[in-house]
Amino acid sequence: MIIDEFIKNHPYLTDFQIDILYSLATLYEGTAQEQEKYRKIIWNSIQNRENLLPNDIVLLSYIFFLFKDEQQAYIINEIEEKMNLWEDYYGISKTISLFYYHLGTLYNLVHKDTDIAIKYYNIAINKGVKHQSPYPTARAMIDLGNITSNEDLKTKGNTILSVFHPEMLDML
C-alpha cells in the first residue's frame, strides 16, 4: 500500500496522524467495514486527546464528512475552533478555505440546508481570497452562484479556474 511507504518515510508522524492517513486510504481502497474501523479509532483518539496539533486539524479537515451526527458536529466545531486559532499557520492557511468549501458542499448536497451552505461558501471565498487559495475560492463562487442564481459569481469562479486550474473546467 502506498500509504505504508509514506508513513515509513515520515517517522515523526504521531499515531493519531497515522490513523487519519489510513482512514484516508480506505476512502479510496477500503471497504465500508474498514472505514468504520478507522472512524472508531479516530473518534476514540479525539475523545482522549486534550490538544490537537495543527497537522491533526489539517488531516481531520479532509475526513470530517465520514462521521455522522453528533460526532460530525463535534469534529466540525473542533476544526473551526482550531483553524481560527491557527489561521496563519501555513498548513492551516492553505487548507482553511478548502475545509469551508467542503462544509458548504456538505450542507448543500447532503443536509439540503442552503442557508448554512451559503454561509460556509461565503467563508470559503473570504478565506480563500485572504490566503490566496484559488481552487476552493473558485469552486465556492461557482456553487454559491448556482444556489443564488448569481451568474456574475459563477463567471468569476470560472475565470479563476481558467487561470489557475484550467484542467478542472472540463470536470464541472
Protein backbone atom coordinates (compact mmCIF):
# COMPACT_ATOMS: atom_id res chain seq x y z
CA MET A 1 0.00 0.00 0.00
CA ILE A 2 1.35 3.46 -0.90
CA ILE A 3 0.38 4.84 2.49
CA ASP A 4 2.71 2.36 4.26
CA GLU A 5 5.67 3.66 2.28
CA PHE A 6 4.71 7.27 3.06
CA ILE A 7 4.50 6.51 6.79
CA LYS A 8 7.84 4.68 6.68
CA ASN A 9 9.45 7.75 5.08
CA HIS A 10 7.94 10.09 7.70
CA PRO A 11 8.83 8.51 11.07
CA TYR A 12 7.87 11.65 13.03
CA LEU A 13 4.12 11.15 12.39
CA THR A 14 2.07 10.59 15.53
CA ASP A 15 -0.12 7.51 15.95
CA PHE A 16 -3.17 9.75 15.56
CA GLN A 17 -1.87 11.16 12.26
CA ILE A 18 -1.11 7.65 11.02
CA ASP A 19 -4.67 6.55 11.84
CA ILE A 20 -6.05 9.51 9.89
CA LEU A 21 -3.84 8.70 6.91
CA TYR A 22 -5.06 5.10 6.94
CA SER A 23 -8.65 6.32 7.05
CA LEU A 24 -7.97 8.49 4.00
CA ALA A 25 -6.52 5.49 2.20
CA THR A 26 -9.60 3.41 3.00
CA LEU A 27 -11.76 6.05 1.34
CA TYR A 28 -10.25 5.02 -1.97
CA GLU A 29 -9.16 1.45 -1.44
CA GLY A 30 -11.08 0.07 1.51
CA THR A 31 -14.44 -1.38 2.36
CA ALA A 32 -17.15 0.21 4.48
CA GLN A 33 -16.11 -2.13 7.29
CA GLU A 34 -12.53 -0.82 7.13
CA GLN A 35 -13.78 2.77 7.05
CA GLU A 36 -15.88 2.10 10.16
CA LYS A 37 -12.84 0.63 11.91
CA TYR A 38 -10.77 3.78 11.35
CA ARG A 39 -13.72 6.05 12.12
CA LYS A 40 -13.92 4.41 15.57
CA ILE A 41 -10.16 4.59 16.12
CA ILE A 42 -10.06 8.27 15.20
CA TRP A 43 -13.15 9.11 17.25
CA ASN A 44 -11.67 7.39 20.33
CA SER A 45 -8.38 9.22 19.78
CA ILE A 46 -10.12 12.58 19.54
CA GLN A 47 -12.10 11.90 22.71
CA ASN A 48 -8.93 11.02 24.64
CA ARG A 49 -6.93 13.98 23.38
CA GLU A 50 -6.91 17.35 25.06
CA ASN A 51 -5.00 19.21 22.36
CA LEU A 52 -4.92 18.53 18.65
CA LEU A 53 -1.88 19.67 16.68
CA PRO A 54 -2.21 21.87 13.58
CA ASN A 55 -1.37 18.90 11.34
CA ASP A 56 -4.08 16.86 13.10
CA ILE A 57 -6.60 19.56 12.26
CA VAL A 58 -5.49 19.69 8.62
CA LEU A 59 -5.92 15.92 8.32
CA LEU A 60 -9.30 15.97 10.09
CA SER A 61 -10.48 18.67 7.69
CA TYR A 62 -10.25 16.09 4.90
CA ILE A 63 -12.29 13.39 6.63
CA PHE A 64 -14.87 15.19 8.82
CA PHE A 65 -17.68 14.15 6.47
CA LEU A 66 -17.05 10.46 7.25
CA PHE A 67 -18.55 10.96 10.70
CA LYS A 68 -22.25 11.18 11.49
CA ASP A 69 -24.49 13.41 13.57
CA GLU A 70 -23.04 14.39 16.97
CA GLN A 71 -19.57 13.12 16.11
CA GLN A 72 -19.54 15.13 12.90
CA ALA A 73 -20.79 18.26 14.68
CA TYR A 74 -18.12 17.86 17.36
CA ILE A 75 -15.33 17.40 14.82
CA ILE A 76 -16.51 20.34 12.69
CA ASN A 77 -16.60 22.54 15.79
CA GLU A 78 -13.12 21.39 16.81
CA ILE A 79 -11.75 22.06 13.31
CA GLU A 80 -13.34 25.52 13.12
CA GLU A 81 -12.11 26.47 16.58
CA LYS A 82 -8.54 25.38 15.91
CA MET A 83 -8.43 26.74 12.36
CA ASN A 84 -9.43 30.15 13.66
CA LEU A 85 -6.78 29.90 16.36
CA TRP A 86 -4.03 28.83 13.95
CA GLU A 87 -5.25 30.50 10.78
CA ASP A 88 -1.85 31.93 9.86
CA TYR A 89 -0.01 28.63 10.34
CA TYR A 90 0.99 27.65 6.79
CA GLY A 91 -0.65 24.22 6.77
CA ILE A 92 -3.90 25.66 8.09
CA SER A 93 -3.93 28.75 5.87
CA LYS A 94 -3.71 26.65 2.73
CA THR A 95 -6.44 24.27 3.91
CA ILE A 96 -8.96 26.56 5.59
CA SER A 97 -10.87 27.69 2.51
CA LEU A 98 -11.00 24.12 1.18
CA PHE A 99 -12.48 22.96 4.50
CA TYR A 100 -15.18 25.63 4.36
CA TYR A 101 -15.89 24.82 0.71
CA HIS A 102 -16.37 21.14 1.63
CA LEU A 103 -18.52 22.17 4.59
CA GLY A 104 -20.70 24.28 2.29
CA THR A 105 -21.00 21.34 -0.08
CA LEU A 106 -21.95 19.02 2.78
CA TYR A 107 -24.79 21.33 3.82
CA ASN A 108 -25.84 21.99 0.23
CA LEU A 109 -25.88 18.42 -1.09
CA VAL A 110 -26.26 16.17 1.96
CA HIS A 111 -28.18 18.20 4.54
CA LYS A 112 -30.11 20.21 1.91
CA ASP A 113 -29.73 23.38 4.01
CA THR A 114 -28.91 26.14 1.54
CA ASP A 115 -28.83 28.89 4.20
CA ILE A 116 -25.98 27.21 6.05
CA ALA A 117 -24.33 26.21 2.76
CA ILE A 118 -24.38 29.87 1.66
CA LYS A 119 -22.77 30.88 4.97
CA TYR A 120 -19.93 28.38 4.52
CA TYR A 121 -19.41 29.14 0.83
CA ASN A 122 -19.03 32.83 1.75
CA ILE A 123 -16.48 31.96 4.42
CA ALA A 124 -14.61 29.78 1.89
CA ILE A 125 -14.50 32.69 -0.56
CA ASN A 126 -13.29 35.19 2.04
CA LYS A 127 -10.65 32.85 3.49
CA GLY A 128 -9.59 31.75 0.00
CA VAL A 129 -9.01 35.32 -1.11
CA LYS A 130 -7.14 36.11 2.12
CA HIS A 131 -4.87 33.07 1.82
CA GLN A 132 -4.61 33.02 -1.98
CA SER A 133 -6.23 29.62 -2.47
CA PRO A 134 -7.70 29.80 -5.97
CA TYR A 135 -9.29 26.35 -6.31
CA PRO A 136 -11.61 26.34 -3.29
CA THR A 137 -12.35 30.04 -3.80
CA ALA A 138 -13.43 29.45 -7.39
CA ARG A 139 -15.46 26.34 -6.56
CA ALA A 140 -17.23 28.13 -3.71
CA MET A 141 -18.02 31.03 -6.06
CA ILE A 142 -19.46 28.67 -8.67
CA ASP A 143 -21.53 26.67 -6.18
CA LEU A 144 -22.73 29.82 -4.41
CA GLY A 145 -23.60 31.32 -7.78
CA ASN A 146 -25.63 28.20 -8.59
CA ILE A 147 -27.55 28.35 -5.31
CA THR A 148 -28.26 32.07 -5.54
CA SER A 149 -28.65 32.24 -9.34
CA ASN A 150 -25.80 34.76 -9.46
CA GLU A 151 -24.28 34.50 -12.94
CA ASP A 152 -21.59 37.10 -12.14
CA LEU A 153 -20.29 34.99 -9.26
CA LYS A 154 -20.24 31.85 -11.42
CA THR A 155 -18.35 33.75 -14.14
CA LYS A 156 -15.76 34.97 -11.60
CA GLY A 157 -15.29 31.43 -10.32
CA ASN A 158 -14.88 30.04 -13.83
CA THR A 159 -12.39 32.80 -14.66
CA ILE A 160 -10.28 31.95 -11.61
CA LEU A 161 -10.32 28.26 -12.56
CA SER A 162 -9.40 29.05 -16.17
CA VAL A 163 -6.32 30.94 -14.96
CA PHE A 164 -5.13 28.68 -12.13
CA HIS A 165 -6.69 25.27 -12.84
CA PRO A 166 -7.87 25.10 -16.47
CA GLU A 167 -7.87 21.29 -16.34
CA MET A 168 -10.76 21.48 -13.86
CA LEU A 169 -13.13 23.31 -16.20
CA ASP A 170 -13.97 20.17 -18.15
CA MET A 171 -14.95 18.40 -14.93
CA LEU A 172 -17.64 20.89 -13.91
